[in-house]
């Protein structure tokens, strides 16, 4: 921080603005940390319940940011000797705690399974060792290698996360029909932003870069809070809160259309039925079960009386996943509704029909439709309207 202030000049307007940004970031960090730890509500998406583990890790990032701003300011006020043990301790704490909280937060976004954090914590031991050597032998610069090593760990973790997010995406498509806000590819932006901030902080000291770093604090805070508040709690293996499919069907179908849900005794493993396709047709396709919002593989397997593992294997044997199966049914339903409306000369909108087909978000429907039909919704509707008018 001392070097940053030296660069800007102690009496310049830029110095005053820098202090405002620096102090503002610290205050925002404290507020967001307390909000995530103490608030039970959701300010950005009230209808979504985010994972508690993710909220706690994100709170740790904000708490770490607040502490980092505080101890660097105290170090500047008291003394700023880069060879002092206090300076080295601040650098090591910055590297280790920042990476630990960032890595823990990113891993907690992946809800298919728990991925261990300890290998990355162990990998940071050399940073602590290099810091200790710097304290023992102040004349030798061990901090630059420590920073390069820290960046190397970060790059490796980013690659690891890219692979893990791809695996997570496959898990989502195997278990969920609606992927709105469930995918976490955009969260990789946070990793890139953190990496840029580390590089700027470690290797540059010019005024514009320092202001960019302080502004990036607020951008990062906003992105992280949005991701935490909009990512819903997912657990495909937990059926305790799963929708009872037979009850939900009563809201869609008439009483004579209610399916019979085959329940297997909890102490017995269900037999692999040879007629899964027929069960799907009778208890999902004909009843309109696929029209339910956020229908999961667990709920569908309960409705047709088939173990979800066998049902997933069945979809794989057809060369598709659960998400593709449900979206195909919904898109086909949309086509039937639209063609019927055109034949009856009834005014309808794509947004209205998309909701009737089980989609909460039109953007989700639009993407599913284009993947299914190789045409955008508007182009397809225009072509169908013209063909039926001739």
Protein backbone atom coordinates (compact mmCIF):
# COMPACT_ATOMS: atom_id res chain seq x y z
CA UNK A 1 0.00 0.00 0.00
CA UNK A 2 2.88 2.37 0.76
CA UNK A 3 4.23 1.91 -2.77
CA UNK A 4 0.76 2.62 -4.15
CA UNK A 5 0.56 5.89 -2.22
CA UNK A 6 4.08 6.87 -3.23
CA UNK A 7 3.08 6.36 -6.85
CA UNK A 8 -0.02 8.54 -6.56
CA UNK A 9 1.43 11.30 -4.39
CA UNK A 10 0.20 12.09 -0.89
CA UNK A 11 -1.54 15.41 -1.67
CA UNK A 12 -2.90 14.80 -5.15
CA UNK A 13 -6.62 14.43 -5.94
CA UNK A 14 -5.79 10.95 -7.23
CA UNK A 15 -4.48 10.06 -3.77
CA UNK A 16 -7.74 11.19 -2.15
CA UNK A 17 -9.78 9.19 -4.65
CA UNK A 18 -7.57 6.17 -4.04
CA UNK A 19 -8.18 6.37 -0.29
CA UNK A 20 -11.93 6.62 -0.87
CA UNK A 21 -11.90 3.56 -3.10
CA UNK A 22 -9.64 1.68 -0.71
CA UNK A 23 -11.76 2.47 2.34
CA UNK A 24 -14.99 1.93 0.43
CA UNK A 25 -13.92 -1.57 -0.60
CA UNK A 26 -13.13 -2.41 3.03
CA UNK A 27 -16.53 -1.17 4.25
CA UNK A 28 -18.42 -3.02 1.50
CA UNK A 29 -16.49 -6.19 2.35
CA UNK A 30 -17.57 -5.99 6.00
CA UNK A 31 -21.21 -5.34 5.09
CA UNK A 32 -21.38 -8.23 2.61
CA UNK A 33 -19.62 -10.59 5.01
CA UNK A 34 -22.13 -9.87 7.77
CA UNK A 35 -25.03 -10.04 5.33
CA UNK A 36 -24.12 -13.52 4.10
CA UNK A 37 -23.46 -14.82 7.60
CA UNK A 38 -26.45 -13.32 9.42
CA UNK A 39 -29.19 -12.81 6.85
CA UNK A 40 -31.59 -15.65 6.16
CA UNK A 41 -33.19 -13.88 3.22
CA UNK A 42 -32.10 -13.41 -0.36
CA UNK A 43 -31.96 -9.81 -1.55
CA UNK A 44 -31.31 -10.51 -5.24
CA UNK A 45 -33.46 -13.60 -5.88
CA UNK A 46 -35.95 -14.05 -3.01
CA UNK A 47 -37.43 -17.23 -4.52
CA UNK A 48 -34.04 -19.02 -4.53
CA UNK A 49 -32.43 -20.73 -1.56
CA UNK A 50 -28.65 -20.81 -2.18
CA UNK A 51 -26.36 -23.44 -0.63
CA UNK A 52 -25.41 -22.57 2.95
CA UNK A 53 -21.87 -23.81 2.34
CA UNK A 54 -21.47 -21.42 -0.59
CA UNK A 55 -22.74 -18.46 1.46
CA UNK A 56 -20.23 -19.22 4.21
CA UNK A 57 -17.29 -19.49 1.83
CA UNK A 58 -18.30 -16.28 0.05
CA UNK A 59 -18.57 -14.58 3.45
CA UNK A 60 -15.02 -15.80 4.14
CA UNK A 61 -13.83 -14.08 0.94
CA UNK A 62 -15.43 -10.80 1.98
CA UNK A 63 -14.09 -11.16 5.52
CA UNK A 64 -10.62 -11.89 4.16
CA UNK A 65 -10.85 -8.82 1.92
CA UNK A 66 -11.82 -6.60 4.87
CA UNK A 67 -8.99 -7.92 7.03
CA UNK A 68 -6.51 -7.55 4.19
CA UNK A 69 -7.44 -3.90 3.69
CA UNK A 70 -7.12 -3.34 7.46
CA UNK A 71 -3.74 -4.97 8.04
CA UNK A 72 -2.12 -3.36 5.01
CA UNK A 73 -3.36 0.05 6.16
CA UNK A 74 -2.05 -0.57 9.69
CA UNK A 75 1.29 -1.68 8.29
CA UNK A 76 1.48 1.52 6.23
CA UNK A 77 0.69 3.70 9.27
CA UNK A 78 3.16 1.98 11.60
CA UNK A 79 6.02 1.02 9.32
CA UNK A 80 6.61 -0.02 5.76
CA UNK A 81 9.89 -1.91 5.53
CA UNK A 82 9.76 -4.63 2.89
CA UNK A 83 12.45 -6.49 4.79
CA UNK A 84 10.49 -6.48 8.05
CA UNK A 85 8.86 -9.61 9.34
CA UNK A 86 5.47 -7.80 9.48
CA UNK A 87 5.57 -7.09 5.74
CA UNK A 88 6.46 -10.69 4.92
CA UNK A 89 3.68 -12.01 7.17
CA UNK A 90 1.15 -9.75 5.44
CA UNK A 91 2.24 -10.98 2.01
CA UNK A 92 2.08 -14.65 3.02
CA UNK A 93 -1.31 -14.21 4.69
CA UNK A 94 -2.60 -12.44 1.60
CA UNK A 95 -1.50 -15.27 -0.69
CA UNK A 96 -2.58 -18.20 1.47
CA UNK A 97 -5.90 -16.87 2.79
CA UNK A 98 -6.99 -15.34 -0.50
CA UNK A 99 -6.36 -18.53 -2.44
CA UNK A 100 -7.96 -20.72 0.24
CA UNK A 101 -11.18 -18.69 0.34
CA UNK A 102 -11.37 -18.32 -3.45
CA UNK A 103 -10.77 -22.03 -4.04
CA UNK A 104 -13.24 -23.04 -1.32
CA UNK A 105 -15.92 -20.77 -2.77
CA UNK A 106 -15.49 -22.03 -6.33
CA UNK A 107 -15.55 -25.67 -5.26
CA UNK A 108 -18.70 -25.14 -3.19
CA UNK A 109 -20.53 -24.05 -6.35
CA UNK A 110 -20.21 -27.59 -7.71
CA UNK A 111 -22.95 -29.55 -5.97
CA UNK A 112 -22.69 -32.92 -7.68
CA UNK A 113 -20.12 -34.08 -5.13
CA UNK A 114 -17.68 -32.75 -2.55
CA UNK A 115 -14.29 -32.04 -4.06
CA UNK A 116 -11.37 -31.88 -1.59
CA UNK A 117 -9.73 -28.55 -0.88
CA UNK A 118 -6.78 -29.88 1.11
CA UNK A 119 -4.50 -30.65 -1.91
CA UNK A 120 -4.51 -26.97 -2.83
CA UNK A 121 -3.90 -25.95 0.78
CA UNK A 122 -0.93 -28.34 0.95
CA UNK A 123 0.34 -26.90 -2.32
CA UNK A 124 0.65 -23.50 -0.63
CA UNK A 125 3.11 -24.74 1.99
CA UNK A 126 6.11 -23.63 -0.16
CA UNK A 127 4.72 -20.07 -0.02
CA UNK A 128 4.90 -20.18 3.76
CA UNK A 129 8.42 -21.66 3.61
CA UNK A 130 9.62 -18.95 1.22
CA UNK A 131 8.13 -16.32 3.54
CA UNK A 132 9.99 -17.85 6.48
CA UNK A 133 13.25 -17.75 4.52
CA UNK A 134 12.63 -14.09 3.74
CA UNK A 135 12.30 -13.36 7.47
CA UNK A 136 15.43 -15.34 8.35
CA UNK A 137 17.51 -13.85 5.53
CA UNK A 138 16.07 -10.37 4.80
CA UNK A 139 18.76 -9.60 2.26
CA UNK A 140 17.49 -12.35 -0.04
CA UNK A 141 14.34 -11.74 -2.06
CA UNK A 142 12.16 -14.81 -1.61
CA UNK A 143 8.86 -13.00 -2.10
CA UNK A 144 9.03 -12.73 -5.90
CA UNK A 145 9.41 -16.52 -6.33
CA UNK A 146 6.58 -16.95 -3.81
CA UNK A 147 4.33 -14.71 -5.90
CA UNK A 148 5.19 -16.54 -9.13
CA UNK A 149 4.51 -19.86 -7.41
CA UNK A 150 1.17 -18.53 -6.10
CA UNK A 151 0.13 -17.51 -9.60
CA UNK A 152 1.14 -20.97 -10.89
CA UNK A 153 -1.12 -22.62 -8.31
CA UNK A 154 -3.93 -20.31 -9.34
CA UNK A 155 -3.52 -21.13 -13.04
CA UNK A 156 -3.49 -24.86 -12.26
CA UNK A 157 -6.66 -24.48 -10.16
CA UNK A 158 -8.34 -22.60 -13.01
CA UNK A 159 -7.61 -25.50 -15.37
CA UNK A 160 -8.86 -27.95 -12.75
CA UNK A 161 -12.07 -25.94 -12.38
CA UNK A 162 -12.64 -25.87 -16.14
CA UNK A 163 -12.60 -29.69 -16.17
CA UNK A 164 -14.72 -29.92 -13.01
CA UNK A 165 -17.32 -27.49 -14.35
CA UNK A 166 -17.62 -29.57 -17.50
CA UNK A 167 -18.24 -32.68 -15.40
CA UNK A 168 -20.75 -30.73 -13.33
CA UNK A 169 -22.59 -29.68 -16.48
CA UNK A 170 -22.98 -33.31 -17.53
CA UNK A 171 -24.34 -34.12 -14.07
CA UNK A 172 -26.89 -31.31 -14.35
CA UNK A 173 -28.13 -32.55 -17.71
CA UNK A 174 -28.45 -36.07 -16.35
CA UNK A 175 -30.61 -34.96 -13.41
CA UNK A 176 -32.41 -31.69 -14.16
CA UNK A 177 -34.82 -30.60 -16.85
CA UNK A 178 -34.45 -26.85 -16.17
CA UNK A 179 -30.91 -25.46 -16.07
CA UNK A 180 -31.79 -21.81 -15.46
CA UNK A 181 -29.23 -20.40 -12.97
CA UNK A 182 -27.95 -23.90 -12.20
CA UNK A 183 -24.90 -23.89 -14.47
CA UNK A 184 -21.74 -22.20 -13.19
CA UNK A 185 -19.67 -21.49 -16.30
CA UNK A 186 -20.06 -17.76 -15.75
CA UNK A 187 -18.45 -18.19 -12.35
CA UNK A 188 -15.16 -18.83 -14.15
CA UNK A 189 -15.18 -15.08 -14.79
CA UNK A 190 -14.51 -14.64 -11.09
CA UNK A 191 -11.41 -16.81 -11.33
CA UNK A 192 -10.09 -14.80 -14.27
CA UNK A 193 -10.79 -11.54 -12.46
CA UNK A 194 -9.01 -12.74 -9.33
CA UNK A 195 -6.05 -13.82 -11.45
CA UNK A 196 -5.82 -10.42 -13.11
CA UNK A 197 -6.01 -8.72 -9.73
CA UNK A 198 -3.18 -10.87 -8.37
CA UNK A 199 -1.01 -10.16 -11.42
CA UNK A 200 -1.65 -6.41 -11.26
CA UNK A 201 -0.99 -6.28 -7.54
CA UNK A 202 2.19 -8.32 -7.77
CA UNK A 203 3.87 -6.97 -10.87
CA UNK A 204 2.69 -3.39 -11.46
CA UNK A 205 2.74 -0.19 -9.44
CA UNK A 206 1.65 2.54 -11.88
CA UNK A 207 -1.32 4.78 -11.05
CA UNK A 208 -3.85 3.57 -13.69
CA UNK A 209 -3.27 -0.07 -12.77
CA UNK A 210 -3.77 0.67 -9.09
CA UNK A 211 -7.06 2.43 -9.75
CA UNK A 212 -8.11 -0.49 -11.98
CA UNK A 213 -7.34 -2.85 -9.11
CA UNK A 214 -9.51 -0.91 -6.67
CA UNK A 215 -12.40 -0.68 -9.15
CA UNK A 216 -12.06 -4.40 -9.85
CA UNK A 217 -12.76 -4.98 -6.13
CA UNK A 218 -16.30 -3.69 -6.55
CA UNK A 219 -16.87 -5.59 -9.81
CA UNK A 220 -15.71 -8.80 -8.15
CA UNK A 221 -17.93 -8.16 -5.12
CA UNK A 222 -20.97 -7.68 -7.33
CA UNK A 223 -20.33 -10.79 -9.44
CA UNK A 224 -19.71 -12.97 -6.40
CA UNK A 225 -22.80 -11.77 -4.55
CA UNK A 226 -24.97 -12.27 -7.65
CA UNK A 227 -23.66 -15.80 -8.12
CA UNK A 228 -24.21 -16.71 -4.48
CA UNK A 229 -27.76 -15.34 -4.42
CA UNK A 230 -28.89 -16.88 -7.73
CA UNK A 231 -27.40 -20.37 -7.46
CA UNK A 232 -30.08 -22.71 -6.02
CA UNK A 233 -29.40 -25.55 -3.61
CA UNK A 234 -29.25 -28.79 -5.61
CA UNK A 235 -29.03 -32.38 -4.51
CA UNK A 236 -30.26 -35.03 -6.92
CA UNK A 237 -29.72 -37.76 -4.35
CA UNK A 238 -32.00 -36.18 -1.73
CA UNK A 239 -35.67 -37.00 -2.25
CA UNK A 240 -36.91 -35.68 1.11
CA UNK A 241 -37.99 -32.38 -0.45
CA UNK A 242 -38.79 -33.81 -3.86
CA UNK A 243 -42.11 -32.96 -5.39
CA UNK A 244 -44.67 -35.70 -5.04
CA UNK A 245 -45.35 -36.33 -8.71
CA UNK A 246 -48.75 -37.92 -8.24
CA UNK A 247 -50.03 -34.89 -6.28
CA UNK A 248 -48.56 -32.41 -8.74
CA UNK A 249 -50.22 -34.17 -11.66
CA UNK A 250 -53.61 -33.31 -10.20
CA UNK A 251 -52.86 -29.68 -11.03
CA UNK A 252 -52.31 -30.58 -14.69
CA UNK A 253 -54.59 -33.46 -15.55
CA UNK A 254 -58.14 -34.40 -14.87
CA UNK A 255 -58.79 -37.06 -12.19
CA UNK A 256 -59.19 -39.83 -14.70
CA UNK A 257 -55.69 -39.17 -16.03
CA UNK A 258 -53.84 -39.61 -12.75
CA UNK A 259 -50.98 -42.10 -13.11
CA UNK A 260 -50.33 -44.96 -10.78
CA UNK A 261 -47.01 -44.44 -9.04
CA UNK A 262 -45.24 -47.72 -8.42
CA UNK A 263 -43.35 -47.55 -5.13
CA UNK A 264 -40.75 -50.14 -4.27
CA UNK A 265 -40.08 -51.15 -0.66
CA UNK A 266 -37.18 -49.11 0.78
CA UNK A 267 -35.40 -52.28 1.86
CA UNK A 268 -35.37 -53.73 -1.64
CA UNK A 269 -33.51 -52.60 -4.73
CA UNK A 270 -36.00 -52.13 -7.61
CA UNK A 271 -35.83 -54.64 -10.42
CA UNK A 272 -34.72 -53.35 -13.80
CA UNK A 273 -37.96 -53.18 -15.80
CA UNK A 274 -37.88 -54.18 -19.42
CA UNK A 275 -40.57 -51.70 -20.38
CA UNK A 276 -39.14 -48.37 -19.22
CA UNK A 277 -40.18 -46.77 -22.51
CA UNK A 278 -43.77 -47.86 -21.98
CA UNK A 279 -43.75 -46.62 -18.37
CA UNK A 280 -42.45 -43.24 -19.52
CA UNK A 281 -45.13 -43.01 -22.16
CA UNK A 282 -47.93 -43.90 -19.75
CA UNK A 283 -46.81 -41.97 -16.66
CA UNK A 284 -44.94 -39.00 -18.14
CA UNK A 285 -45.77 -38.32 -21.78
CA UNK A 286 -49.51 -39.03 -21.75
CA UNK A 287 -50.10 -37.41 -18.35
CA UNK A 288 -48.10 -34.27 -19.09
CA UNK A 289 -45.75 -34.78 -16.15
CA UNK A 290 -42.94 -33.24 -18.20
CA UNK A 291 -44.77 -29.89 -18.07
CA UNK A 292 -43.93 -29.45 -14.38
CA UNK A 293 -41.35 -26.76 -13.62
CA UNK A 294 -37.99 -28.01 -12.36
CA UNK A 295 -38.90 -31.68 -12.76
CA UNK A 296 -35.90 -33.78 -11.70
CA UNK A 297 -34.77 -37.27 -12.57
CA UNK A 298 -35.54 -38.34 -8.99
CA UNK A 299 -39.15 -37.17 -9.29
CA UNK A 300 -39.63 -38.80 -12.69
CA UNK A 301 -38.19 -42.11 -11.51
CA UNK A 302 -40.56 -42.06 -8.51
CA UNK A 303 -43.52 -41.37 -10.78
CA UNK A 304 -42.86 -44.35 -13.05
CA UNK A 305 -41.55 -46.67 -10.33
CA UNK A 306 -38.05 -47.14 -11.73
CA UNK A 307 -34.74 -46.72 -9.96
CA UNK A 308 -33.17 -43.44 -11.11
CA UNK A 309 -29.88 -45.14 -11.97
CA UNK A 310 -31.64 -47.51 -14.34
CA UNK A 311 -33.66 -44.64 -15.79
CA UNK A 312 -30.48 -42.67 -16.42
CA UNK A 313 -28.93 -45.71 -18.09
CA UNK A 314 -32.02 -46.03 -20.26
CA UNK A 315 -31.63 -42.46 -21.53
CA UNK A 316 -27.94 -43.11 -22.20
CA UNK A 317 -28.84 -46.17 -24.28
CA UNK A 318 -30.95 -43.87 -26.46
CA UNK A 319 -27.99 -41.53 -26.98
CA UNK A 320 -29.48 -38.71 -24.90
CA UNK A 321 -29.63 -37.46 -21.33
CA UNK A 322 -32.53 -36.64 -19.05
CA UNK A 323 -32.47 -32.94 -19.88
CA UNK A 324 -32.68 -33.63 -23.62
CA UNK A 325 -35.58 -36.06 -23.09
CA UNK A 326 -37.69 -33.55 -21.16
CA UNK A 327 -36.86 -30.67 -23.48
CA UNK A 328 -37.79 -32.72 -26.55
CA UNK A 329 -41.21 -33.40 -25.02
CA UNK A 330 -41.69 -29.76 -24.12
CA UNK A 331 -40.64 -28.46 -27.53
CA UNK A 332 -42.95 -30.96 -29.24
CA UNK A 333 -45.76 -29.77 -26.95
CA UNK A 334 -44.99 -26.18 -27.94
CA UNK A 335 -45.21 -27.13 -31.61
CA UNK A 336 -48.60 -28.76 -31.11
CA UNK A 337 -49.94 -25.78 -29.16
CA UNK A 338 -48.72 -23.25 -31.71
CA UNK A 339 -50.00 -25.17 -34.72
CA UNK A 340 -53.36 -25.59 -32.98
CA UNK A 341 -53.52 -21.87 -32.20
CA UNK A 342 -52.71 -20.95 -35.80
CA UNK A 343 -55.34 -23.38 -37.12
CA UNK A 344 -57.91 -21.86 -34.74
CA UNK A 345 -56.70 -18.34 -35.58
CA UNK A 346 -56.02 -17.59 -31.93
CA UNK A 347 -53.44 -14.88 -31.11
CA UNK A 348 -50.61 -16.33 -29.00
CA UNK A 349 -47.06 -15.38 -28.10
CA UNK A 350 -44.01 -17.57 -27.80
CA UNK A 351 -43.53 -16.42 -24.20
CA UNK A 352 -47.05 -17.47 -23.26
CA UNK A 353 -46.72 -20.91 -24.84
CA UNK A 354 -43.26 -21.44 -23.36
CA UNK A 355 -44.71 -21.02 -19.86
CA UNK A 356 -47.48 -23.49 -20.68
CA UNK A 357 -44.78 -25.94 -21.76
CA UNK A 358 -43.08 -25.92 -18.35
CA UNK A 359 -40.44 -23.22 -18.80
CA UNK A 360 -39.98 -20.50 -16.18
CA UNK A 361 -37.54 -18.62 -18.41
CA UNK A 362 -38.09 -17.80 -22.06
CA UNK A 363 -34.35 -17.71 -22.69
CA UNK A 364 -34.08 -21.31 -21.49
CA UNK A 365 -36.91 -22.34 -23.80
CA UNK A 366 -35.43 -20.43 -26.73
CA UNK A 367 -32.10 -22.24 -26.36
CA UNK A 368 -33.79 -25.66 -26.03
CA UNK A 369 -35.95 -24.96 -29.08
CA UNK A 370 -32.99 -23.96 -31.23
CA UNK A 371 -31.06 -27.07 -30.19
CA UNK A 372 -34.05 -29.24 -31.06
CA UNK A 373 -35.16 -27.59 -34.31
CA UNK A 374 -31.97 -25.90 -35.60
CA UNK A 375 -34.03 -22.73 -35.97
CA UNK A 376 -34.82 -19.83 -33.69
CA UNK A 377 -38.34 -19.70 -32.27
CA UNK A 378 -39.31 -16.55 -34.16
CA UNK A 379 -38.07 -17.85 -37.52
CA UNK A 380 -39.86 -21.18 -37.04
CA UNK A 381 -43.12 -19.52 -35.98
CA UNK A 382 -42.99 -17.20 -39.00
CA UNK A 383 -42.41 -20.12 -41.38
CA UNK A 384 -45.22 -22.21 -39.88
CA UNK A 385 -47.65 -19.27 -39.97
CA UNK A 386 -46.88 -18.69 -43.64
CA UNK A 387 -47.17 -22.36 -44.57
CA UNK A 388 -50.53 -22.74 -42.83
CA UNK A 389 -51.83 -19.54 -44.37
CA UNK A 390 -51.25 -20.81 -47.90
